[in-house]
N, C-alpha and C. Protein backbone atom coordinates (compact mmCIF):
# COMPACT_ATOMS: atom_id res chain seq x y z
N UNK A 1 -7.11 -2.17 2.51
CA UNK A 1 -8.51 -1.83 2.39
C UNK A 1 -9.27 -2.41 3.60
N UNK A 2 -10.21 -1.64 4.10
CA UNK A 2 -11.10 -2.09 5.18
C UNK A 2 -10.34 -2.55 6.43
N UNK A 3 -9.26 -1.86 6.75
CA UNK A 3 -8.46 -2.27 7.90
C UNK A 3 -9.24 -2.15 9.21
N UNK A 4 -10.06 -1.13 9.34
CA UNK A 4 -10.86 -0.97 10.57
C UNK A 4 -11.74 -2.20 10.78
N UNK A 5 -12.29 -2.73 9.71
CA UNK A 5 -13.13 -3.92 9.80
C UNK A 5 -12.33 -5.12 10.32
N UNK A 6 -11.07 -5.23 9.91
CA UNK A 6 -10.22 -6.31 10.42
C UNK A 6 -10.02 -6.16 11.92
N UNK A 7 -9.69 -4.95 12.36
CA UNK A 7 -9.52 -4.71 13.80
C UNK A 7 -10.80 -4.99 14.56
N UNK A 8 -11.93 -4.53 14.01
CA UNK A 8 -13.21 -4.70 14.70
C UNK A 8 -13.65 -6.16 14.74
N UNK A 9 -13.37 -6.92 13.70
CA UNK A 9 -13.81 -8.31 13.60
C UNK A 9 -12.88 -9.27 14.32
N UNK A 10 -11.57 -9.10 14.13
CA UNK A 10 -10.61 -10.07 14.64
C UNK A 10 -9.76 -9.56 15.79
N UNK A 11 -9.85 -8.28 16.10
CA UNK A 11 -9.10 -7.71 17.21
C UNK A 11 -7.81 -7.03 16.77
N UNK A 12 -7.34 -6.14 17.61
CA UNK A 12 -6.14 -5.37 17.30
C UNK A 12 -4.87 -6.21 17.17
N UNK A 13 -4.70 -7.27 17.97
CA UNK A 13 -3.50 -8.10 17.75
C UNK A 13 -3.46 -8.69 16.33
N UNK A 14 -4.61 -9.11 15.79
CA UNK A 14 -4.63 -9.63 14.42
C UNK A 14 -4.38 -8.48 13.44
N UNK A 15 -4.93 -7.31 13.72
CA UNK A 15 -4.66 -6.14 12.87
C UNK A 15 -3.17 -5.84 12.83
N UNK A 16 -2.50 -5.96 13.97
CA UNK A 16 -1.06 -5.74 14.02
C UNK A 16 -0.33 -6.77 13.15
N UNK A 17 -0.79 -8.02 13.17
CA UNK A 17 -0.18 -9.06 12.34
C UNK A 17 -0.35 -8.74 10.85
N UNK A 18 -1.53 -8.23 10.48
CA UNK A 18 -1.77 -7.85 9.10
C UNK A 18 -0.78 -6.75 8.69
N UNK A 19 -0.63 -5.74 9.53
CA UNK A 19 0.31 -4.65 9.22
C UNK A 19 1.74 -5.16 9.07
N UNK A 20 2.15 -6.05 9.96
CA UNK A 20 3.51 -6.60 9.88
C UNK A 20 3.72 -7.40 8.61
N UNK A 21 2.73 -8.19 8.21
CA UNK A 21 2.86 -9.00 7.00
C UNK A 21 2.86 -8.12 5.75
N UNK A 22 2.09 -7.03 5.77
CA UNK A 22 2.12 -6.09 4.64
C UNK A 22 3.49 -5.44 4.56
N UNK A 23 4.05 -5.05 5.71
CA UNK A 23 5.39 -4.48 5.72
C UNK A 23 6.41 -5.48 5.17
N UNK A 24 6.29 -6.75 5.55
CA UNK A 24 7.18 -7.78 5.03
C UNK A 24 7.02 -7.94 3.52
N UNK A 25 5.79 -7.82 3.03
CA UNK A 25 5.54 -7.91 1.59
C UNK A 25 6.25 -6.77 0.86
N UNK A 26 6.20 -5.58 1.44
CA UNK A 26 6.89 -4.45 0.85
C UNK A 26 8.38 -4.69 0.77
N UNK A 27 8.95 -5.19 1.85
CA UNK A 27 10.39 -5.48 1.85
C UNK A 27 10.75 -6.53 0.81
N UNK A 28 9.85 -7.47 0.57
CA UNK A 28 10.13 -8.57 -0.35
C UNK A 28 10.13 -8.13 -1.81
N UNK A 29 9.32 -7.14 -2.17
CA UNK A 29 9.17 -6.81 -3.59
C UNK A 29 9.87 -5.52 -4.00
N UNK A 30 10.21 -4.67 -3.06
CA UNK A 30 10.85 -3.41 -3.45
C UNK A 30 12.29 -3.64 -3.84
N UNK A 31 12.81 -2.71 -4.62
CA UNK A 31 14.19 -2.78 -5.08
C UNK A 31 15.13 -2.28 -3.98
N UNK A 32 16.37 -2.64 -4.11
CA UNK A 32 17.39 -2.14 -3.19
C UNK A 32 17.43 -0.61 -3.30
N UNK A 33 17.38 0.07 -2.17
CA UNK A 33 17.39 1.53 -2.17
C UNK A 33 16.01 2.16 -2.11
N UNK A 34 14.94 1.39 -2.39
CA UNK A 34 13.59 1.91 -2.23
C UNK A 34 13.28 2.05 -0.74
N UNK A 35 12.40 2.96 -0.43
CA UNK A 35 11.97 3.17 0.95
C UNK A 35 10.51 2.77 1.08
N UNK A 36 10.18 2.08 2.16
CA UNK A 36 8.81 1.62 2.37
C UNK A 36 8.54 1.59 3.85
N UNK A 37 7.41 2.14 4.26
CA UNK A 37 7.07 2.11 5.67
C UNK A 37 5.67 2.60 5.93
N UNK A 38 5.23 2.33 7.12
CA UNK A 38 3.90 2.77 7.56
C UNK A 38 3.99 4.24 7.93
N UNK A 39 3.03 5.02 7.42
CA UNK A 39 3.03 6.45 7.74
C UNK A 39 1.89 6.83 8.67
N UNK A 40 1.03 5.88 9.00
CA UNK A 40 -0.03 6.13 9.95
C UNK A 40 -1.24 5.26 9.67
N UNK A 41 -1.93 4.85 10.73
CA UNK A 41 -3.14 4.07 10.57
C UNK A 41 -2.90 2.87 9.68
N UNK A 42 -3.63 2.82 8.58
CA UNK A 42 -3.50 1.73 7.63
C UNK A 42 -2.71 2.14 6.40
N UNK A 43 -2.07 3.29 6.45
CA UNK A 43 -1.39 3.81 5.27
C UNK A 43 0.12 3.56 5.31
N UNK A 44 0.60 3.10 4.16
CA UNK A 44 2.02 2.90 3.93
C UNK A 44 2.44 3.80 2.78
N UNK A 45 3.71 4.12 2.72
CA UNK A 45 4.23 4.89 1.59
C UNK A 45 5.50 4.21 1.10
N UNK A 46 5.72 4.33 -0.19
CA UNK A 46 6.95 3.82 -0.80
C UNK A 46 7.54 4.93 -1.66
N UNK A 47 8.84 5.03 -1.63
CA UNK A 47 9.56 6.00 -2.46
C UNK A 47 10.55 5.20 -3.29
N UNK A 48 10.50 5.44 -4.62
CA UNK A 48 11.34 4.72 -5.56
C UNK A 48 12.32 5.69 -6.21
N UNK A 49 13.49 5.91 -5.61
CA UNK A 49 14.47 6.82 -6.22
C UNK A 49 14.97 6.28 -7.56
N UNK A 50 15.26 7.19 -8.47
CA UNK A 50 15.81 6.82 -9.78
C UNK A 50 14.99 5.73 -10.47
N UNK A 51 13.70 5.93 -10.51
CA UNK A 51 12.80 4.93 -11.05
C UNK A 51 11.95 5.55 -12.16
N UNK A 52 11.87 4.87 -13.28
CA UNK A 52 11.00 5.34 -14.35
C UNK A 52 9.54 5.10 -13.96
N UNK A 53 8.61 5.84 -14.55
CA UNK A 53 7.19 5.58 -14.26
C UNK A 53 6.78 4.14 -14.56
N UNK A 54 7.33 3.57 -15.62
CA UNK A 54 6.99 2.19 -15.97
C UNK A 54 7.48 1.21 -14.91
N UNK A 55 8.71 1.43 -14.42
CA UNK A 55 9.24 0.56 -13.38
C UNK A 55 8.44 0.72 -12.08
N UNK A 56 8.06 1.94 -11.74
CA UNK A 56 7.26 2.18 -10.53
C UNK A 56 5.92 1.44 -10.63
N UNK A 57 5.31 1.48 -11.80
CA UNK A 57 4.05 0.75 -12.01
C UNK A 57 4.28 -0.75 -11.82
N UNK A 58 5.38 -1.24 -12.34
CA UNK A 58 5.70 -2.67 -12.23
C UNK A 58 5.88 -3.07 -10.75
N UNK A 59 6.61 -2.26 -10.00
CA UNK A 59 6.84 -2.55 -8.58
C UNK A 59 5.51 -2.51 -7.82
N UNK A 60 4.67 -1.52 -8.11
CA UNK A 60 3.36 -1.41 -7.45
C UNK A 60 2.49 -2.63 -7.77
N UNK A 61 2.53 -3.10 -8.99
CA UNK A 61 1.76 -4.29 -9.37
C UNK A 61 2.28 -5.53 -8.65
N UNK A 62 3.60 -5.65 -8.52
CA UNK A 62 4.16 -6.79 -7.77
C UNK A 62 3.72 -6.74 -6.31
N UNK A 63 3.73 -5.55 -5.72
CA UNK A 63 3.27 -5.40 -4.34
C UNK A 63 1.80 -5.79 -4.22
N UNK A 64 0.99 -5.35 -5.17
CA UNK A 64 -0.43 -5.69 -5.18
C UNK A 64 -0.62 -7.21 -5.17
N UNK A 65 0.07 -7.90 -6.03
CA UNK A 65 -0.05 -9.36 -6.11
C UNK A 65 0.43 -10.03 -4.83
N UNK A 66 1.54 -9.54 -4.29
CA UNK A 66 2.10 -10.14 -3.07
C UNK A 66 1.11 -10.02 -1.91
N UNK A 67 0.49 -8.86 -1.78
CA UNK A 67 -0.46 -8.66 -0.68
C UNK A 67 -1.72 -9.50 -0.89
N UNK A 68 -2.16 -9.65 -2.13
CA UNK A 68 -3.33 -10.48 -2.40
C UNK A 68 -3.09 -11.94 -2.05
N UNK A 69 -1.85 -12.38 -2.07
CA UNK A 69 -1.51 -13.77 -1.74
C UNK A 69 -1.51 -14.03 -0.23
N UNK A 70 -1.49 -12.99 0.57
CA UNK A 70 -1.44 -13.18 2.01
C UNK A 70 -2.71 -13.86 2.50
N UNK A 71 -2.55 -14.73 3.48
CA UNK A 71 -3.68 -15.41 4.09
C UNK A 71 -3.51 -15.36 5.60
N UNK A 72 -4.60 -15.08 6.28
CA UNK A 72 -4.59 -14.95 7.73
C UNK A 72 -5.63 -15.88 8.33
N UNK A 73 -5.33 -16.41 9.51
CA UNK A 73 -6.27 -17.28 10.21
C UNK A 73 -6.52 -16.74 11.60
N UNK A 74 -7.80 -16.75 11.97
CA UNK A 74 -8.19 -16.35 13.32
C UNK A 74 -9.30 -17.30 13.75
N UNK A 75 -9.01 -18.07 14.79
CA UNK A 75 -9.91 -19.11 15.23
C UNK A 75 -10.23 -20.00 14.03
N UNK A 76 -11.47 -20.16 13.64
CA UNK A 76 -11.80 -21.03 12.51
C UNK A 76 -11.98 -20.27 11.21
N UNK A 77 -11.61 -19.01 11.18
CA UNK A 77 -11.83 -18.19 9.99
C UNK A 77 -10.50 -17.87 9.31
N UNK A 78 -10.53 -17.90 7.99
CA UNK A 78 -9.39 -17.51 7.18
C UNK A 78 -9.82 -16.33 6.33
N UNK A 79 -8.94 -15.34 6.21
CA UNK A 79 -9.27 -14.17 5.41
C UNK A 79 -8.02 -13.63 4.74
N UNK A 80 -8.24 -12.84 3.71
CA UNK A 80 -7.16 -12.17 2.99
C UNK A 80 -7.37 -10.67 3.06
N UNK A 81 -6.45 -9.96 2.47
CA UNK A 81 -6.53 -8.50 2.45
C UNK A 81 -6.23 -8.00 1.04
N UNK A 82 -6.70 -6.81 0.78
CA UNK A 82 -6.40 -6.13 -0.48
C UNK A 82 -5.84 -4.76 -0.15
N UNK A 83 -5.30 -4.12 -1.18
CA UNK A 83 -4.70 -2.80 -0.98
C UNK A 83 -5.04 -1.90 -2.16
N UNK A 84 -5.42 -0.68 -1.83
CA UNK A 84 -5.63 0.36 -2.85
C UNK A 84 -4.39 1.23 -2.84
N UNK A 85 -3.85 1.51 -4.04
CA UNK A 85 -2.62 2.27 -4.13
C UNK A 85 -2.79 3.51 -4.99
N UNK A 86 -2.18 4.59 -4.55
CA UNK A 86 -2.06 5.79 -5.36
C UNK A 86 -0.62 5.92 -5.78
N UNK A 87 -0.38 6.06 -7.06
CA UNK A 87 0.98 6.10 -7.60
C UNK A 87 1.19 7.41 -8.34
N UNK A 88 2.26 8.10 -8.02
CA UNK A 88 2.57 9.36 -8.69
C UNK A 88 4.09 9.54 -8.72
N UNK A 89 4.51 10.54 -9.44
CA UNK A 89 5.93 10.85 -9.52
C UNK A 89 6.17 12.33 -9.27
N UNK A 90 7.41 12.66 -9.04
CA UNK A 90 7.78 14.05 -8.82
C UNK A 90 7.63 14.82 -10.13
N UNK A 91 7.04 16.01 -10.03
CA UNK A 91 6.91 16.89 -11.19
C UNK A 91 7.64 18.20 -10.90
N UNK A 92 7.89 18.98 -11.94
CA UNK A 92 8.67 20.22 -11.80
C UNK A 92 8.09 21.19 -10.79
N UNK A 93 6.76 21.18 -10.61
CA UNK A 93 6.14 22.13 -9.69
C UNK A 93 6.22 21.71 -8.22
N UNK A 94 6.68 20.49 -7.95
CA UNK A 94 6.80 20.04 -6.57
C UNK A 94 7.93 20.79 -5.86
N UNK A 95 7.57 21.48 -4.81
CA UNK A 95 8.56 22.19 -4.00
C UNK A 95 8.96 21.38 -2.76
N UNK A 96 8.04 20.53 -2.31
CA UNK A 96 8.29 19.68 -1.14
C UNK A 96 7.69 18.30 -1.41
N UNK A 97 8.02 17.36 -0.55
CA UNK A 97 7.42 16.03 -0.67
C UNK A 97 5.94 16.05 -0.32
N UNK A 98 5.50 17.08 0.40
CA UNK A 98 4.08 17.16 0.77
C UNK A 98 3.18 17.13 -0.45
N UNK A 99 3.53 17.84 -1.51
CA UNK A 99 2.68 17.85 -2.70
C UNK A 99 2.68 16.47 -3.38
N UNK A 100 3.81 15.80 -3.37
CA UNK A 100 3.91 14.45 -3.92
C UNK A 100 3.00 13.50 -3.15
N UNK A 101 3.11 13.52 -1.83
CA UNK A 101 2.28 12.65 -1.00
C UNK A 101 0.80 13.00 -1.11
N UNK A 102 0.47 14.28 -1.27
CA UNK A 102 -0.93 14.68 -1.42
C UNK A 102 -1.51 14.10 -2.70
N UNK A 103 -0.76 14.11 -3.80
CA UNK A 103 -1.22 13.52 -5.05
C UNK A 103 -1.41 12.01 -4.92
N UNK A 104 -0.44 11.37 -4.30
CA UNK A 104 -0.53 9.92 -4.11
C UNK A 104 -1.72 9.58 -3.21
N UNK A 105 -1.92 10.36 -2.17
CA UNK A 105 -3.04 10.14 -1.25
C UNK A 105 -4.38 10.30 -1.97
N UNK A 106 -4.51 11.36 -2.79
CA UNK A 106 -5.74 11.58 -3.54
C UNK A 106 -5.99 10.43 -4.51
N UNK A 107 -4.94 9.92 -5.15
CA UNK A 107 -5.09 8.80 -6.07
C UNK A 107 -5.50 7.53 -5.32
N UNK A 108 -4.94 7.34 -4.13
CA UNK A 108 -5.29 6.17 -3.33
C UNK A 108 -6.77 6.22 -2.94
N UNK A 109 -7.26 7.39 -2.53
CA UNK A 109 -8.68 7.50 -2.18
C UNK A 109 -9.57 7.31 -3.41
N UNK A 110 -9.10 7.72 -4.56
CA UNK A 110 -9.84 7.46 -5.79
C UNK A 110 -9.91 5.95 -6.05
N UNK A 111 -8.82 5.24 -5.81
CA UNK A 111 -8.81 3.78 -5.98
C UNK A 111 -9.84 3.13 -5.05
N UNK A 112 -9.93 3.63 -3.83
CA UNK A 112 -10.92 3.10 -2.88
C UNK A 112 -12.34 3.38 -3.38
N UNK A 113 -12.57 4.60 -3.86
CA UNK A 113 -13.92 4.96 -4.35
C UNK A 113 -14.30 4.14 -5.58
N UNK A 114 -13.32 3.75 -6.38
CA UNK A 114 -13.57 3.00 -7.61
C UNK A 114 -13.71 1.50 -7.37
N UNK A 115 -13.70 1.08 -6.13
CA UNK A 115 -13.92 -0.34 -5.85
C UNK A 115 -12.82 -1.03 -5.08
N UNK A 116 -11.74 -0.34 -4.76
CA UNK A 116 -10.64 -0.87 -3.97
C UNK A 116 -9.82 -1.90 -4.74
N UNK A 117 -8.73 -2.32 -4.12
CA UNK A 117 -7.83 -3.35 -4.67
C UNK A 117 -7.34 -3.01 -6.07
N UNK A 118 -6.86 -1.77 -6.24
CA UNK A 118 -6.35 -1.35 -7.54
C UNK A 118 -5.33 -0.23 -7.35
N UNK A 119 -4.66 0.08 -8.44
CA UNK A 119 -3.65 1.13 -8.47
C UNK A 119 -4.19 2.26 -9.34
N UNK A 120 -4.19 3.48 -8.82
CA UNK A 120 -4.62 4.64 -9.58
C UNK A 120 -3.45 5.60 -9.70
N UNK A 121 -3.22 6.08 -10.90
CA UNK A 121 -2.15 7.06 -11.13
C UNK A 121 -2.66 8.45 -10.80
N UNK A 122 -1.82 9.20 -10.09
CA UNK A 122 -2.23 10.54 -9.70
C UNK A 122 -1.30 11.60 -10.22
C-alpha cells in the first residue's frame, strides 16, 4: 500500500529494499510448490496449486502478518508497510489465467478502497 509515497519520501533505493523484503516475506510463508513474484510496479502475485480456499486464506493471512512485522529505517525515521490483497480461485468459466488475475486485481483494488491492509475475496 502507498508504495509511491515510500519512493517519493525515502527514495527509490529504499523502495527497492521494501520490494526485496516483501519478496522475502513471500518466500518465508508460502508452501513448497507455491509461486510468488513481482508482476509489476508494487504488485505481486501468488499462485497456490492444489490448495483449498480455506488454506489459501490461511496463507494470505500469514503473509499479511509477516509484512506488517517488517520495519524499515531511513536516516532517523522508522516506518512499516501494509499490503492489500485480492484472493480468488479458479472457476469453471476461467479459460485463461487472465480472468483469474483480473478477479484478484479487482478484489485487491476493492481492499484498497475499503481502507487498505486487508484481504478481499474476489
